[in-house]
């Protein structure tokens, strides 16, 4: 079939040689004339839906290395969501995430061990998002552990442990940069080798 002009499927005013207003189903797809090579990705060139083959390294920071595909421009990745300013490096909005399992039954299912940040401190320390378990040795004197503000970090938890070393002579003071700690401005750990699990409820810190 030879057609002069454009052909429309579902469209009475086709704007391209073949203009399909609907879903296209195909077993294979070839886009020739642009000289793509292995590892190239199909990239939108304008807001009209036109696309070209582009080196993966030039397509929004995506790079192919062997069998690995990774993002190099420092942007965010969303699964089940589009990019949101201020979002996380990886956000999954739909479905469960499985690590070591094909059938995750919770938001995150891990079939194996879990490693969390573990830090030993001997002096006053302010915690942030990089901390979790904090082992405090007070052999050199009393130590203050300062929590960040509880506001805006609902669900973040820390585990603070008295690692001993002072035979109970020095205390650990837990303070906060925002929000109370189980109803008080500070909490004091007296017993050696005791530990506190402290979590934010979005407003204050609670010890469990």
N, C-alpha and C. Protein backbone atom coordinates (compact mmCIF):
# COMPACT_ATOMS: atom_id res chain seq x y z
N UNK A 1 0.85 -1.18 0.00
CA UNK A 1 0.00 0.00 0.00
C UNK A 1 0.89 1.24 0.00
N UNK A 2 0.68 2.11 -0.96
CA UNK A 2 1.43 3.36 -1.04
C UNK A 2 0.47 4.50 -0.78
N UNK A 3 0.79 5.31 0.22
CA UNK A 3 -0.10 6.40 0.61
C UNK A 3 0.67 7.70 0.53
N UNK A 4 0.10 8.69 -0.16
CA UNK A 4 0.68 10.03 -0.19
C UNK A 4 0.11 10.81 0.98
N UNK A 5 0.99 11.32 1.85
CA UNK A 5 0.50 12.04 3.02
C UNK A 5 0.57 11.18 4.27
N UNK A 6 -0.20 11.55 5.26
CA UNK A 6 -0.18 10.87 6.54
C UNK A 6 -1.33 9.88 6.67
N UNK A 7 -1.11 8.85 7.50
CA UNK A 7 -2.14 7.85 7.77
C UNK A 7 -2.56 7.96 9.23
N UNK A 8 -3.87 8.02 9.45
CA UNK A 8 -4.37 8.12 10.82
C UNK A 8 -5.16 6.88 11.20
N UNK A 9 -4.89 6.35 12.38
CA UNK A 9 -5.68 5.26 12.96
C UNK A 9 -6.31 5.82 14.23
N UNK A 10 -7.62 5.98 14.21
CA UNK A 10 -8.30 6.63 15.33
C UNK A 10 -8.19 8.13 15.28
N UNK A 11 -7.69 8.66 14.19
CA UNK A 11 -7.52 10.10 14.05
C UNK A 11 -7.86 10.51 12.62
N UNK A 12 -8.68 11.56 12.51
CA UNK A 12 -9.04 12.08 11.20
C UNK A 12 -8.06 13.14 10.72
N UNK A 13 -7.14 13.53 11.60
CA UNK A 13 -6.17 14.57 11.24
C UNK A 13 -4.78 14.12 11.70
N UNK A 14 -4.21 13.09 11.08
CA UNK A 14 -2.90 12.58 11.49
C UNK A 14 -1.82 13.63 11.29
N UNK A 15 -0.95 13.77 12.29
CA UNK A 15 0.12 14.76 12.23
C UNK A 15 1.46 14.16 11.86
N UNK A 16 1.53 12.82 11.69
CA UNK A 16 2.76 12.15 11.33
C UNK A 16 2.47 11.16 10.20
N UNK A 17 3.53 10.57 9.65
CA UNK A 17 3.33 9.60 8.58
C UNK A 17 2.37 8.50 9.02
N UNK A 18 2.49 8.06 10.29
CA UNK A 18 1.54 7.13 10.88
C UNK A 18 1.19 7.65 12.26
N UNK A 19 -0.08 8.01 12.45
CA UNK A 19 -0.54 8.62 13.70
C UNK A 19 -1.59 7.70 14.31
N UNK A 20 -1.24 7.06 15.44
CA UNK A 20 -2.15 6.12 16.09
C UNK A 20 -2.67 6.75 17.38
N UNK A 21 -3.98 6.95 17.44
CA UNK A 21 -4.61 7.47 18.65
C UNK A 21 -5.10 6.28 19.48
N UNK A 22 -4.19 5.68 20.24
CA UNK A 22 -4.52 4.49 21.01
C UNK A 22 -3.25 3.71 21.32
N UNK A 23 -3.42 2.47 21.72
CA UNK A 23 -2.29 1.63 22.11
C UNK A 23 -1.79 0.81 20.93
N UNK A 24 -0.48 0.75 20.78
CA UNK A 24 0.14 -0.04 19.72
C UNK A 24 0.70 -1.32 20.33
N UNK A 25 0.36 -2.47 19.76
CA UNK A 25 0.89 -3.74 20.24
C UNK A 25 1.76 -4.35 19.15
N UNK A 26 2.97 -4.79 19.55
CA UNK A 26 3.88 -5.37 18.59
C UNK A 26 4.75 -6.42 19.28
N UNK A 27 5.16 -7.42 18.54
CA UNK A 27 6.07 -8.44 19.08
C UNK A 27 7.50 -7.92 19.07
N UNK A 28 7.87 -7.21 18.04
CA UNK A 28 9.21 -6.64 17.94
C UNK A 28 9.11 -5.18 17.54
N UNK A 29 10.20 -4.45 17.77
CA UNK A 29 10.21 -3.02 17.44
C UNK A 29 11.59 -2.64 16.94
N UNK A 30 11.63 -2.00 15.79
CA UNK A 30 12.89 -1.53 15.22
C UNK A 30 12.76 -0.07 14.86
N UNK A 31 13.73 0.73 15.27
CA UNK A 31 13.75 2.15 14.94
C UNK A 31 15.07 2.41 14.24
N UNK A 32 15.04 2.48 12.93
CA UNK A 32 16.27 2.60 12.15
C UNK A 32 16.50 4.04 11.72
N UNK A 33 17.65 4.27 11.11
CA UNK A 33 17.93 5.59 10.56
C UNK A 33 18.66 6.51 11.50
N UNK A 34 18.87 6.08 12.76
CA UNK A 34 19.56 6.95 13.71
C UNK A 34 20.85 6.31 14.21
N UNK A 35 21.18 5.14 13.74
CA UNK A 35 22.44 4.50 14.09
C UNK A 35 22.60 4.16 15.55
N UNK A 36 21.58 3.58 16.22
CA UNK A 36 21.77 3.23 17.63
C UNK A 36 22.78 2.09 17.77
N UNK A 37 23.43 2.04 18.92
CA UNK A 37 24.34 0.95 19.23
C UNK A 37 23.88 0.29 20.52
N UNK A 38 24.49 -0.84 20.83
CA UNK A 38 24.11 -1.56 22.03
C UNK A 38 24.26 -0.69 23.26
N UNK A 39 23.24 -0.71 24.13
CA UNK A 39 23.29 0.09 25.35
C UNK A 39 22.59 1.42 25.25
N UNK A 40 22.13 1.82 24.03
CA UNK A 40 21.41 3.08 23.88
C UNK A 40 20.00 2.93 24.44
N UNK A 41 19.40 4.05 24.84
CA UNK A 41 18.02 4.06 25.33
C UNK A 41 17.20 5.03 24.51
N UNK A 42 15.89 4.75 24.43
CA UNK A 42 14.98 5.62 23.68
C UNK A 42 14.57 6.78 24.58
N UNK A 43 14.84 8.02 24.13
CA UNK A 43 14.67 9.19 24.97
C UNK A 43 13.79 10.22 24.28
N UNK A 44 12.84 10.81 25.04
CA UNK A 44 11.99 11.86 24.49
C UNK A 44 12.84 13.07 24.14
N UNK A 45 12.64 13.60 22.93
CA UNK A 45 13.42 14.77 22.51
C UNK A 45 12.63 16.06 22.62
N UNK A 46 11.31 15.96 22.80
CA UNK A 46 10.48 17.15 22.98
C UNK A 46 9.19 16.75 23.67
N UNK A 47 8.34 17.74 23.96
CA UNK A 47 7.08 17.49 24.66
C UNK A 47 6.01 16.90 23.76
N UNK A 48 6.30 16.79 22.46
CA UNK A 48 5.32 16.23 21.53
C UNK A 48 5.39 14.71 21.44
N UNK A 49 6.32 14.09 22.17
CA UNK A 49 6.43 12.64 22.15
C UNK A 49 7.46 12.11 21.18
N UNK A 50 8.15 12.99 20.46
CA UNK A 50 9.20 12.55 19.55
C UNK A 50 10.37 11.99 20.36
N UNK A 51 10.98 10.91 19.87
CA UNK A 51 12.04 10.25 20.62
C UNK A 51 13.21 9.91 19.72
N UNK A 52 14.36 9.81 20.32
CA UNK A 52 15.58 9.45 19.60
C UNK A 52 16.35 8.44 20.44
N UNK A 53 17.24 7.68 19.78
CA UNK A 53 18.14 6.80 20.50
C UNK A 53 19.28 7.63 21.07
N UNK A 54 19.56 7.45 22.36
CA UNK A 54 20.57 8.26 23.04
C UNK A 54 21.48 7.36 23.86
N UNK A 55 22.75 7.73 23.93
CA UNK A 55 23.67 7.03 24.81
C UNK A 55 23.13 7.05 26.23
N UNK A 56 23.18 5.91 26.90
CA UNK A 56 22.61 5.82 28.25
C UNK A 56 23.26 6.82 29.19
N UNK A 57 24.52 7.14 28.98
CA UNK A 57 25.21 8.09 29.84
C UNK A 57 24.71 9.50 29.67
N UNK A 58 24.02 9.78 28.55
CA UNK A 58 23.51 11.14 28.31
C UNK A 58 22.03 11.24 28.56
N UNK A 59 21.40 10.15 28.95
CA UNK A 59 19.95 10.14 29.14
C UNK A 59 19.62 10.29 30.61
N UNK A 60 19.62 11.52 31.09
CA UNK A 60 19.22 11.79 32.45
C UNK A 60 20.11 11.14 33.49
N UNK A 61 21.37 10.83 33.14
CA UNK A 61 22.27 10.27 34.12
C UNK A 61 22.27 8.76 34.19
N UNK A 62 21.42 8.08 33.39
CA UNK A 62 21.40 6.62 33.42
C UNK A 62 22.58 6.06 32.66
N UNK A 63 23.25 5.10 33.26
CA UNK A 63 24.45 4.52 32.67
C UNK A 63 24.37 3.00 32.72
N UNK A 64 24.83 2.36 31.65
CA UNK A 64 24.90 0.90 31.59
C UNK A 64 26.34 0.48 31.74
N UNK A 65 26.59 -0.45 32.66
CA UNK A 65 27.93 -1.00 32.85
C UNK A 65 27.79 -2.51 32.96
N UNK A 66 28.12 -3.21 31.89
CA UNK A 66 27.91 -4.65 31.88
C UNK A 66 26.43 -4.95 31.95
N UNK A 67 26.02 -5.73 32.96
CA UNK A 67 24.60 -6.04 33.13
C UNK A 67 23.94 -5.12 34.15
N UNK A 68 24.64 -4.08 34.60
CA UNK A 68 24.11 -3.17 35.61
C UNK A 68 23.64 -1.87 34.97
N UNK A 69 22.53 -1.34 35.45
CA UNK A 69 22.02 -0.04 35.03
C UNK A 69 21.92 0.82 36.28
N UNK A 70 22.51 2.00 36.25
CA UNK A 70 22.47 2.84 37.44
C UNK A 70 22.35 4.30 37.05
N UNK A 71 21.90 5.12 38.02
CA UNK A 71 21.67 6.55 37.81
C UNK A 71 22.84 7.32 38.39
N UNK A 72 23.43 8.20 37.58
CA UNK A 72 24.68 8.84 37.99
C UNK A 72 24.57 10.34 38.26
N UNK A 73 23.42 10.95 38.01
CA UNK A 73 23.33 12.40 38.14
C UNK A 73 22.89 12.85 39.51
N UNK A 74 22.70 11.90 40.45
CA UNK A 74 22.30 12.29 41.79
C UNK A 74 20.82 12.54 41.93
N UNK A 75 20.02 12.14 40.95
CA UNK A 75 18.58 12.35 41.03
C UNK A 75 17.89 11.28 41.86
N UNK A 76 16.57 11.33 41.90
CA UNK A 76 15.77 10.39 42.67
C UNK A 76 15.10 9.38 41.76
N UNK A 77 14.83 8.19 42.30
CA UNK A 77 14.17 7.13 41.56
C UNK A 77 12.83 6.83 42.23
N UNK A 78 11.77 6.81 41.46
CA UNK A 78 10.44 6.49 42.00
C UNK A 78 9.86 5.27 41.35
N UNK A 79 9.27 4.37 42.15
CA UNK A 79 8.54 3.21 41.65
C UNK A 79 7.10 3.38 42.09
N UNK A 80 6.21 3.52 41.13
CA UNK A 80 4.81 3.78 41.45
C UNK A 80 4.55 5.23 41.78
N UNK A 81 5.53 6.10 41.46
CA UNK A 81 5.37 7.53 41.73
C UNK A 81 6.29 8.31 40.81
N UNK A 82 5.92 9.54 40.50
CA UNK A 82 6.79 10.42 39.74
C UNK A 82 7.69 11.18 40.70
N UNK A 83 8.67 11.86 40.15
CA UNK A 83 9.62 12.61 40.98
C UNK A 83 8.89 13.69 41.77
N UNK A 84 9.23 13.80 43.05
CA UNK A 84 8.69 14.84 43.91
C UNK A 84 9.85 15.61 44.50
N UNK A 85 9.80 16.94 44.40
CA UNK A 85 10.87 17.76 44.94
C UNK A 85 11.06 17.46 46.42
N UNK A 86 12.28 17.22 46.81
CA UNK A 86 12.55 16.90 48.21
C UNK A 86 12.32 15.45 48.55
N UNK A 87 12.04 14.61 47.55
CA UNK A 87 11.77 13.20 47.81
C UNK A 87 13.03 12.43 48.13
N UNK A 88 12.85 11.15 48.45
CA UNK A 88 13.97 10.30 48.81
C UNK A 88 14.72 9.85 47.57
N UNK A 89 15.94 9.34 47.75
CA UNK A 89 16.71 8.84 46.63
C UNK A 89 15.97 7.68 45.95
N UNK A 90 15.26 6.85 46.74
CA UNK A 90 14.43 5.77 46.21
C UNK A 90 13.11 5.78 46.94
N UNK A 91 12.01 5.90 46.20
CA UNK A 91 10.68 5.89 46.79
C UNK A 91 9.85 4.83 46.09
N UNK A 92 9.25 3.92 46.88
CA UNK A 92 8.36 2.90 46.36
C UNK A 92 6.98 3.17 46.93
N UNK A 93 6.01 3.47 46.06
CA UNK A 93 4.67 3.83 46.52
C UNK A 93 3.65 2.71 46.36
N UNK A 94 3.91 1.76 45.48
CA UNK A 94 2.94 0.69 45.24
C UNK A 94 3.61 -0.67 45.43
N UNK A 95 2.94 -1.55 46.17
CA UNK A 95 3.44 -2.89 46.34
C UNK A 95 4.48 -3.00 47.44
N UNK A 96 4.89 -4.24 47.70
CA UNK A 96 5.88 -4.53 48.73
C UNK A 96 7.27 -4.68 48.12
N UNK A 97 8.29 -4.53 48.96
CA UNK A 97 9.67 -4.67 48.52
C UNK A 97 10.25 -5.93 49.18
N UNK A 98 10.81 -6.81 48.38
CA UNK A 98 11.41 -8.03 48.91
C UNK A 98 12.91 -8.03 48.72
N UNK A 99 13.64 -8.38 49.77
CA UNK A 99 15.09 -8.55 49.71
C UNK A 99 15.37 -10.00 50.07
N UNK A 100 15.81 -10.78 49.10
CA UNK A 100 16.05 -12.19 49.32
C UNK A 100 14.78 -13.02 49.26
N UNK A 101 13.70 -12.42 48.80
CA UNK A 101 12.43 -13.16 48.67
C UNK A 101 11.66 -12.63 47.48
N UNK A 102 10.98 -13.55 46.76
CA UNK A 102 10.13 -13.17 45.64
C UNK A 102 8.71 -12.87 46.09
N UNK A 103 8.38 -13.17 47.34
CA UNK A 103 7.00 -13.01 47.81
C UNK A 103 6.99 -12.20 49.10
N UNK A 104 7.34 -10.91 49.06
CA UNK A 104 7.30 -10.09 50.27
C UNK A 104 5.87 -9.93 50.77
N UNK A 105 5.66 -10.13 52.07
CA UNK A 105 4.31 -10.04 52.64
C UNK A 105 4.13 -8.80 53.50
N UNK A 106 5.11 -7.91 53.47
CA UNK A 106 5.03 -6.65 54.20
C UNK A 106 5.62 -5.55 53.32
N UNK A 107 5.52 -4.31 53.78
CA UNK A 107 6.06 -3.21 52.99
C UNK A 107 7.51 -3.47 52.62
N UNK A 108 8.28 -4.01 53.58
CA UNK A 108 9.65 -4.47 53.31
C UNK A 108 9.81 -5.84 53.96
N UNK A 109 10.15 -6.84 53.18
CA UNK A 109 10.41 -8.18 53.71
C UNK A 109 11.86 -8.55 53.41
N UNK A 110 12.59 -8.93 54.47
CA UNK A 110 14.01 -9.29 54.32
C UNK A 110 14.19 -10.75 54.72
N UNK A 111 14.60 -11.55 53.78
CA UNK A 111 14.88 -12.95 54.05
C UNK A 111 16.38 -13.10 54.29
N UNK A 112 16.80 -12.72 55.48
CA UNK A 112 18.22 -12.72 55.80
C UNK A 112 18.50 -11.77 56.95
N UNK A 113 19.75 -11.48 57.18
CA UNK A 113 20.13 -10.62 58.30
C UNK A 113 19.94 -9.15 57.95
N UNK A 114 19.90 -8.33 58.98
CA UNK A 114 19.73 -6.89 58.82
C UNK A 114 20.86 -6.19 59.56
N UNK A 115 21.56 -5.30 58.88
CA UNK A 115 22.65 -4.56 59.49
C UNK A 115 22.27 -3.09 59.61
N UNK A 116 22.41 -2.54 60.82
CA UNK A 116 22.09 -1.14 61.08
C UNK A 116 23.34 -0.43 61.60
N UNK A 117 23.37 0.87 61.46
CA UNK A 117 24.53 1.65 61.89
C UNK A 117 24.81 1.43 63.37
N UNK A 118 26.08 1.19 63.71
CA UNK A 118 26.51 0.94 65.08
C UNK A 118 27.72 1.82 65.36
N UNK A 119 27.60 2.65 66.40
CA UNK A 119 28.66 3.64 66.66
C UNK A 119 29.04 3.63 68.13
N UNK A 120 30.33 3.70 68.42
CA UNK A 120 30.85 3.81 69.79
C UNK A 120 31.25 5.25 70.04
N UNK A 121 30.79 5.84 71.14
CA UNK A 121 31.13 7.23 71.45
C UNK A 121 31.62 7.32 72.89
N UNK A 122 32.48 8.30 73.14
CA UNK A 122 33.02 8.54 74.48
C UNK A 122 32.85 9.99 74.91
N UNK A 123 32.23 10.80 74.05
CA UNK A 123 32.05 12.21 74.37
C UNK A 123 30.68 12.68 73.87
N UNK A 124 30.34 13.92 74.18
CA UNK A 124 29.03 14.46 73.78
C UNK A 124 28.84 14.32 72.28
N UNK A 125 27.66 13.85 71.87
CA UNK A 125 27.40 13.56 70.46
C UNK A 125 25.99 13.97 70.09
N UNK A 126 25.83 14.61 68.94
CA UNK A 126 24.51 14.94 68.39
C UNK A 126 24.19 13.96 67.28
N UNK A 127 23.04 13.30 67.35
CA UNK A 127 22.66 12.27 66.39
C UNK A 127 21.98 12.88 65.17
N UNK A 128 22.06 12.14 64.07
CA UNK A 128 21.39 12.55 62.83
C UNK A 128 20.86 11.31 62.11
N UNK A 129 20.53 11.45 60.84
CA UNK A 129 19.92 10.35 60.09
C UNK A 129 20.89 9.21 59.82
N UNK A 130 22.19 9.41 60.06
CA UNK A 130 23.18 8.37 59.81
C UNK A 130 23.38 7.45 61.00
N UNK A 131 22.77 7.77 62.14
CA UNK A 131 22.96 6.98 63.36
C UNK A 131 21.80 6.02 63.60
N UNK A 132 22.08 4.97 64.35
CA UNK A 132 21.01 4.11 64.88
C UNK A 132 21.43 3.64 66.28
N UNK A 133 22.25 2.57 66.37
CA UNK A 133 22.74 2.11 67.67
C UNK A 133 23.93 2.97 68.09
N UNK A 134 23.86 3.50 69.32
CA UNK A 134 24.93 4.34 69.85
C UNK A 134 25.36 3.75 71.18
N UNK A 135 26.58 3.22 71.22
CA UNK A 135 27.14 2.63 72.43
C UNK A 135 27.98 3.68 73.14
N UNK A 136 27.56 4.07 74.35
CA UNK A 136 28.19 5.18 75.05
C UNK A 136 29.07 4.66 76.18
N UNK A 137 30.35 4.99 76.11
CA UNK A 137 31.31 4.64 77.15
C UNK A 137 31.61 5.90 77.96
N UNK A 138 31.29 5.86 79.27
CA UNK A 138 31.45 7.06 80.11
C UNK A 138 32.66 6.96 81.03
N UNK A 139 33.64 6.15 80.65
CA UNK A 139 34.83 6.02 81.50
C UNK A 139 35.53 7.36 81.68
N UNK A 140 35.44 8.24 80.67
CA UNK A 140 36.11 9.54 80.74
C UNK A 140 35.28 10.63 81.37
N UNK A 141 34.04 10.34 81.74
CA UNK A 141 33.18 11.35 82.35
C UNK A 141 31.77 11.26 81.81
N UNK A 142 30.85 12.05 82.34
CA UNK A 142 29.46 12.04 81.86
C UNK A 142 29.39 12.41 80.38
N UNK A 143 28.39 11.86 79.70
CA UNK A 143 28.23 12.10 78.26
C UNK A 143 26.78 12.50 77.99
N UNK A 144 26.61 13.50 77.12
CA UNK A 144 25.27 13.92 76.68
C UNK A 144 25.07 13.50 75.23
N UNK A 145 23.97 12.79 74.98
CA UNK A 145 23.58 12.40 73.62
C UNK A 145 22.38 13.26 73.25
N UNK A 146 22.52 14.06 72.20
CA UNK A 146 21.45 14.98 71.79
C UNK A 146 20.75 14.45 70.56
N UNK A 147 19.43 14.30 70.67
CA UNK A 147 18.61 13.84 69.56
C UNK A 147 18.26 15.02 68.66
N UNK A 148 18.01 14.78 67.36
CA UNK A 148 17.51 15.87 66.51
C UNK A 148 16.07 16.18 66.88
N UNK A 149 15.50 17.20 66.30
CA UNK A 149 14.10 17.48 66.55
C UNK A 149 13.24 16.30 66.12
N UNK A 150 12.23 15.99 66.92
CA UNK A 150 11.32 14.89 66.59
C UNK A 150 10.33 15.28 65.50
N UNK A 151 10.21 16.57 65.26
CA UNK A 151 9.22 17.07 64.29
C UNK A 151 9.64 16.72 62.87
N UNK A 152 8.73 16.10 62.12
CA UNK A 152 8.98 15.81 60.72
C UNK A 152 9.73 14.53 60.45
N UNK A 153 10.07 13.76 61.49
CA UNK A 153 10.78 12.48 61.27
C UNK A 153 10.04 11.35 61.98
N UNK A 154 8.72 11.36 61.84
CA UNK A 154 7.88 10.34 62.45
C UNK A 154 8.37 8.94 62.10
N UNK A 155 8.60 8.10 63.12
CA UNK A 155 9.04 6.73 62.89
C UNK A 155 10.53 6.51 63.01
N UNK A 156 11.32 7.58 63.03
CA UNK A 156 12.77 7.38 63.19
C UNK A 156 13.06 6.92 64.62
N UNK A 157 13.94 5.93 64.75
CA UNK A 157 14.28 5.37 66.06
C UNK A 157 15.78 5.34 66.26
N UNK A 158 16.18 5.40 67.52
CA UNK A 158 17.57 5.23 67.92
C UNK A 158 17.63 4.23 69.07
N UNK A 159 18.73 3.52 69.17
CA UNK A 159 18.98 2.64 70.32
C UNK A 159 20.24 3.15 71.01
N UNK A 160 20.08 3.63 72.25
CA UNK A 160 21.20 4.18 73.01
C UNK A 160 21.53 3.22 74.14
N UNK A 161 22.78 2.79 74.19
CA UNK A 161 23.21 1.78 75.15
C UNK A 161 24.35 2.30 76.02
N UNK A 162 24.25 2.05 77.32
CA UNK A 162 25.35 2.35 78.24
C UNK A 162 26.35 1.21 78.14
N UNK A 163 27.50 1.47 77.54
CA UNK A 163 28.49 0.43 77.29
C UNK A 163 29.38 0.15 78.50
N UNK A 164 29.08 0.78 79.65
CA UNK A 164 29.87 0.54 80.85
C UNK A 164 31.19 1.28 80.79
N UNK A 165 32.16 0.77 81.54
CA UNK A 165 33.48 1.37 81.54
C UNK A 165 33.72 2.30 82.71
N UNK A 166 32.67 2.59 83.51
CA UNK A 166 32.85 3.54 84.60
C UNK A 166 32.31 3.02 85.92
N UNK A 167 31.89 1.75 85.94
CA UNK A 167 31.33 1.14 87.17
C UNK A 167 30.15 1.95 87.70
N UNK A 168 29.42 2.60 86.79
CA UNK A 168 28.22 3.34 87.18
C UNK A 168 28.49 4.71 87.77
N UNK A 169 29.72 5.19 87.69
CA UNK A 169 30.05 6.48 88.31
C UNK A 169 29.54 7.67 87.50
N UNK A 170 29.46 7.53 86.19
CA UNK A 170 29.06 8.65 85.32
C UNK A 170 27.76 8.31 84.60
N UNK A 171 26.92 9.31 84.45
CA UNK A 171 25.62 9.11 83.82
C UNK A 171 25.63 9.54 82.36
N UNK A 172 24.62 9.07 81.64
CA UNK A 172 24.38 9.49 80.25
C UNK A 172 23.12 10.34 80.24
N UNK A 173 23.22 11.55 79.74
CA UNK A 173 22.06 12.42 79.60
C UNK A 173 21.60 12.42 78.15
N UNK A 174 20.31 12.20 77.95
CA UNK A 174 19.73 12.24 76.60
C UNK A 174 18.90 13.52 76.50
N UNK A 175 19.25 14.37 75.55
CA UNK A 175 18.56 15.64 75.34
C UNK A 175 18.00 15.67 73.93
N UNK A 176 17.19 16.69 73.62
CA UNK A 176 16.56 16.79 72.30
C UNK A 176 16.65 18.21 71.78
N UNK A 177 16.82 18.33 70.46
CA UNK A 177 16.81 19.64 69.81
C UNK A 177 15.40 20.08 69.44
N UNK A 178 14.43 19.28 69.79
CA UNK A 178 13.04 19.62 69.48
C UNK A 178 12.11 18.50 69.89
N UNK A 179 11.17 18.77 70.80
CA UNK A 179 10.25 17.76 71.29
C UNK A 179 10.72 17.18 72.60
N UNK A 180 9.78 16.78 73.44
CA UNK A 180 10.13 16.18 74.72
C UNK A 180 10.55 14.73 74.53
N UNK A 181 11.12 14.16 75.59
CA UNK A 181 11.51 12.75 75.59
C UNK A 181 10.68 12.06 76.66
N UNK A 182 9.62 11.37 76.24
CA UNK A 182 8.66 10.75 77.15
C UNK A 182 8.22 11.75 78.22
N UNK A 183 7.83 12.94 77.76
CA UNK A 183 7.25 13.93 78.64
C UNK A 183 8.23 14.84 79.35
N UNK A 184 9.53 14.61 79.23
CA UNK A 184 10.52 15.44 79.92
C UNK A 184 11.48 16.06 78.92
N UNK A 185 12.15 17.12 79.34
CA UNK A 185 13.10 17.78 78.45
C UNK A 185 14.35 16.94 78.25
N UNK A 186 14.73 16.16 79.27
CA UNK A 186 15.88 15.26 79.17
C UNK A 186 15.57 13.95 79.89
N UNK A 187 16.37 12.95 79.62
CA UNK A 187 16.31 11.68 80.34
C UNK A 187 17.72 11.30 80.74
N UNK A 188 17.84 10.62 81.87
CA UNK A 188 19.16 10.23 82.37
C UNK A 188 19.25 8.72 82.48
N UNK A 189 20.32 8.15 81.92
CA UNK A 189 20.59 6.73 82.04
C UNK A 189 21.61 6.54 83.16
N UNK A 190 21.23 5.74 84.16
CA UNK A 190 22.07 5.58 85.35
C UNK A 190 22.75 4.21 85.36
N UNK A 191 22.01 3.17 85.00
CA UNK A 191 22.51 1.80 85.13
C UNK A 191 23.45 1.43 83.99
N UNK A 192 24.59 0.85 84.34
CA UNK A 192 25.52 0.37 83.32
C UNK A 192 24.88 -0.77 82.53
N UNK A 193 25.17 -0.78 81.23
CA UNK A 193 24.70 -1.81 80.29
C UNK A 193 23.19 -1.79 80.07
N UNK A 194 22.53 -0.74 80.50
CA UNK A 194 21.11 -0.57 80.16
C UNK A 194 21.01 0.04 78.77
N UNK A 195 19.82 0.01 78.18
CA UNK A 195 19.65 0.59 76.84
C UNK A 195 18.25 1.18 76.71
N UNK A 196 18.13 2.20 75.88
CA UNK A 196 16.85 2.84 75.58
C UNK A 196 16.58 2.75 74.08
N UNK A 197 15.37 2.34 73.74
CA UNK A 197 14.90 2.45 72.35
C UNK A 197 14.02 3.69 72.30
N UNK A 198 14.40 4.65 71.49
CA UNK A 198 13.73 5.94 71.44
C UNK A 198 13.24 6.20 70.03
N UNK A 199 11.94 6.50 69.86
CA UNK A 199 11.35 6.72 68.54
C UNK A 199 10.57 8.03 68.51
N UNK A 200 10.57 8.66 67.35
CA UNK A 200 9.81 9.90 67.15
C UNK A 200 8.38 9.57 66.72
N UNK A 201 7.41 10.29 67.28
CA UNK A 201 6.02 10.17 66.81
C UNK A 201 5.64 11.34 65.92
N UNK A 202 6.65 12.08 65.46
CA UNK A 202 6.42 13.23 64.61
C UNK A 202 6.35 14.53 65.35
N UNK A 203 6.23 14.44 66.68
CA UNK A 203 6.18 15.65 67.52
C UNK A 203 7.16 15.57 68.68
N UNK A 204 7.17 14.40 69.36
CA UNK A 204 8.03 14.19 70.51
C UNK A 204 8.73 12.83 70.40
N UNK A 205 9.67 12.59 71.34
CA UNK A 205 10.37 11.33 71.41
C UNK A 205 9.76 10.46 72.51
N UNK A 206 9.63 9.17 72.23
CA UNK A 206 9.07 8.23 73.19
C UNK A 206 10.05 7.09 73.42
N UNK A 207 10.24 6.73 74.69
CA UNK A 207 11.11 5.61 75.05
C UNK A 207 10.26 4.36 75.21
N UNK A 208 10.68 3.29 74.54
CA UNK A 208 9.93 2.04 74.68
C UNK A 208 10.77 0.98 75.36
